[in-house]
Protein backbone atom coordinates (compact mmCIF):
# COMPACT_ATOMS: atom_id res chain seq x y z
CA MET A 1 22.40 2.54 8.74
CA PHE A 2 20.82 5.07 6.08
CA ASN A 3 22.97 7.48 4.19
CA ARG A 4 23.27 9.09 1.28
CA ASN A 5 27.00 8.44 0.42
CA ASP A 6 28.06 5.05 -1.35
CA ARG A 7 30.01 4.36 1.53
CA PRO A 8 28.41 2.54 4.62
CA GLN A 9 28.53 4.46 7.81
CA PRO A 10 29.87 2.09 10.83
CA SER A 11 27.08 0.67 13.01
CA THR A 12 26.49 2.26 16.46
CA GLN A 13 24.75 -0.51 17.84
CA GLU A 14 26.12 -3.88 18.88
CA GLY A 15 24.40 -6.93 16.68
CA PRO A 16 23.01 -7.22 13.21
CA ASP A 17 21.87 -3.99 11.61
CA ASN A 18 18.79 -4.23 9.70
CA VAL A 19 19.82 -3.19 6.37
CA VAL A 20 17.63 -3.35 2.92
CA VAL A 21 19.73 -3.10 -0.27
CA LEU A 22 17.75 -2.29 -3.58
CA SER A 23 18.87 -3.42 -7.10
CA GLU A 24 19.54 -0.53 -9.22
CA GLY A 25 16.60 -1.72 -11.54
CA PHE A 26 14.35 -1.94 -8.52
CA TYR A 27 15.51 1.60 -7.33
CA ARG A 28 15.07 2.88 -10.86
CA GLU A 29 11.77 1.63 -10.98
CA ILE A 30 10.43 2.91 -7.85
CA ARG A 31 11.78 6.29 -8.87
CA GLU A 32 10.49 6.53 -12.04
CA HIS A 33 7.00 5.20 -11.22
CA PRO A 34 6.30 6.62 -7.73
CA ILE A 35 2.98 6.01 -6.08
CA PRO A 36 1.13 8.64 -4.03
CA VAL A 37 1.22 7.65 -0.53
CA GLU A 38 0.89 9.95 2.62
CA ARG A 39 4.18 9.57 4.66
CA GLU A 40 2.01 10.12 7.44
CA VAL A 41 -0.10 7.55 6.86
CA VAL A 42 2.61 5.15 6.25
CA ALA A 43 4.10 6.07 9.98
CA ALA A 44 0.45 5.85 11.17
CA LEU A 45 0.25 2.27 10.18
CA ALA A 46 3.85 0.98 10.75
CA HIS A 47 2.71 -0.65 13.79
CA ALA A 48 0.26 -2.52 11.74
CA PRO A 49 2.10 -4.40 8.52
CA GLY A 50 -0.79 -6.17 7.17
CA LEU A 51 -2.48 -3.06 7.02
CA LEU A 52 -0.23 -0.83 5.81
CA ASP A 53 0.82 -3.58 2.94
CA PHE A 54 -2.89 -3.22 1.98
CA TYR A 55 -2.84 0.53 2.19
CA VAL A 56 0.38 0.60 -0.02
CA TRP A 57 -1.36 -2.19 -2.46
CA ILE A 58 -4.69 -0.36 -2.85
CA THR A 59 -2.99 2.83 -3.67
CA TRP A 60 -0.65 1.58 -6.17
CA LYS A 61 -3.51 -0.27 -7.63
CA SER A 62 -6.25 2.71 -7.74
CA TRP A 63 -3.20 4.85 -9.17
CA THR A 64 -2.72 2.66 -12.21
CA VAL A 65 -6.54 1.73 -12.92
CA LYS A 66 -7.90 3.97 -15.74
CA ASP A 67 -11.38 4.30 -16.93
CA GLN A 68 -13.32 1.07 -15.83
CA PRO A 69 -12.97 -0.32 -12.51
CA VAL A 70 -11.00 -3.25 -11.94
CA TYR A 71 -12.53 -6.09 -9.87
CA VAL A 72 -10.09 -8.24 -8.11
CA PRO A 73 -11.31 -11.69 -6.78
CA PHE A 74 -10.34 -12.42 -3.23
CA PHE A 75 -9.31 -16.22 -3.96
CA GLY A 76 -7.88 -17.92 -6.76
CA PRO A 77 -4.35 -18.11 -8.58
CA SER A 78 -4.47 -14.18 -9.52
CA GLY A 79 -6.80 -13.53 -6.31
CA PHE A 80 -6.10 -10.56 -3.79
CA CYS A 81 -5.06 -13.49 -1.28
CA ASN A 82 -2.13 -14.70 -3.16
CA GLN A 83 -1.12 -10.75 -4.36
CA LEU A 84 -1.20 -9.90 -0.89
CA GLY A 85 1.07 -13.15 0.02
CA THR A 86 -0.92 -14.01 2.78
CA LYS A 87 -1.89 -17.87 3.54
CA GLU A 88 -2.71 -16.78 7.37
CA TYR A 89 -6.63 -16.71 6.85
CA SER A 90 -7.58 -20.44 6.00
CA VAL A 91 -11.43 -19.67 6.41
CA ASP A 92 -12.41 -17.17 3.11
CA ARG A 93 -14.76 -15.55 5.19
CA LEU A 94 -11.94 -14.65 7.74
CA PHE A 95 -10.19 -13.14 5.13
CA ARG A 96 -12.95 -11.13 3.61
CA HIS A 97 -13.91 -9.67 7.13
CA LYS A 98 -10.27 -8.66 7.61
CA VAL A 99 -9.88 -7.11 4.48
CA ALA A 100 -13.36 -5.02 5.05
CA HIS A 101 -11.71 -3.92 8.57
CA TRP A 102 -8.62 -2.88 6.86
CA LEU A 103 -10.72 -0.84 4.04
CA THR A 104 -12.64 0.82 7.09
CA GLN A 105 -9.33 1.52 8.71
CA VAL A 106 -7.78 2.80 5.08
CA LYS A 107 -10.89 5.09 4.44
CA GLN A 108 -10.41 6.71 7.99
CA PHE A 109 -6.99 8.09 6.59
CA TRP A 110 -8.12 8.21 3.18
CA PRO A 111 -11.65 9.13 2.99
CA GLN A 112 -12.16 9.23 -0.69
CA CYS A 113 -10.24 5.52 -1.26
CA PRO A 114 -11.90 4.70 -4.51
CA SER A 115 -12.33 0.80 -3.52
CA SER A 116 -15.10 -1.48 -2.08
CA ILE A 117 -16.03 -5.13 -1.58
CA SER A 118 -18.37 -6.31 -4.27
CA PRO A 119 -22.09 -6.66 -3.48
CA ASP A 120 -21.78 -10.29 -3.74
CA GLY A 121 -18.58 -10.17 -1.54
CA LYS A 122 -16.46 -12.22 -3.81
CA CYS A 123 -14.15 -9.30 -5.05
CA LEU A 124 -12.45 -5.90 -4.26
CA THR A 125 -13.59 -3.42 -6.70
CA ILE A 126 -11.13 -0.58 -7.43
CA ARG A 127 -11.52 2.39 -8.92
CA SER A 128 -9.36 5.03 -10.67
CA SER A 129 -7.84 7.26 -7.85
CA LYS A 130 -6.74 9.85 -10.22
CA PRO A 131 -9.38 12.45 -9.15
CA SER A 132 -8.89 11.53 -5.32
CA ALA A 133 -5.31 10.37 -4.89
CA ALA A 134 -4.08 8.94 -1.49
CA VAL A 135 -1.88 12.51 -1.46
CA THR A 136 -3.49 15.55 0.28
CA PRO A 137 -2.95 18.53 -1.99
CA VAL A 138 -1.20 21.22 -0.07
CA LYS A 139 -3.48 23.43 1.51
CA ARG A 140 -1.21 26.48 1.66
CA ALA A 141 2.17 27.82 -0.11
CA MET A 142 5.10 26.81 1.87
CA ASN A 143 7.98 29.49 2.32
CA THR A 144 11.24 28.09 1.06
């Protein structure tokens, strides 16, 4: 159970709890280098773990790109398939089709998403999202 104290709270359910324990180093890394994801998008994609993983990955990758686009091949030792950690798609074209579908869905939430599939279909092209981050600016001031 989540809490802000250092002491764990007793479970209110029977059976095993779902617990995620972050190492101090990992926690420090995500606090010092956050990526700009929309909480509402994460909540909307929570039912689709592959799509959520793709959204977070593409957001992170595009946030770290500088001036020139990055071309991530779909396959190979450093390919997108390996970076995403999926072995589910044994046929290359099925994986490409799935990525194209995910990209379409991500662009419904983030129309300025700076990623696309290359014209030859061999890689994912990722441009910097600094001008169009995945986080939408606040439209009006909030009363605090």
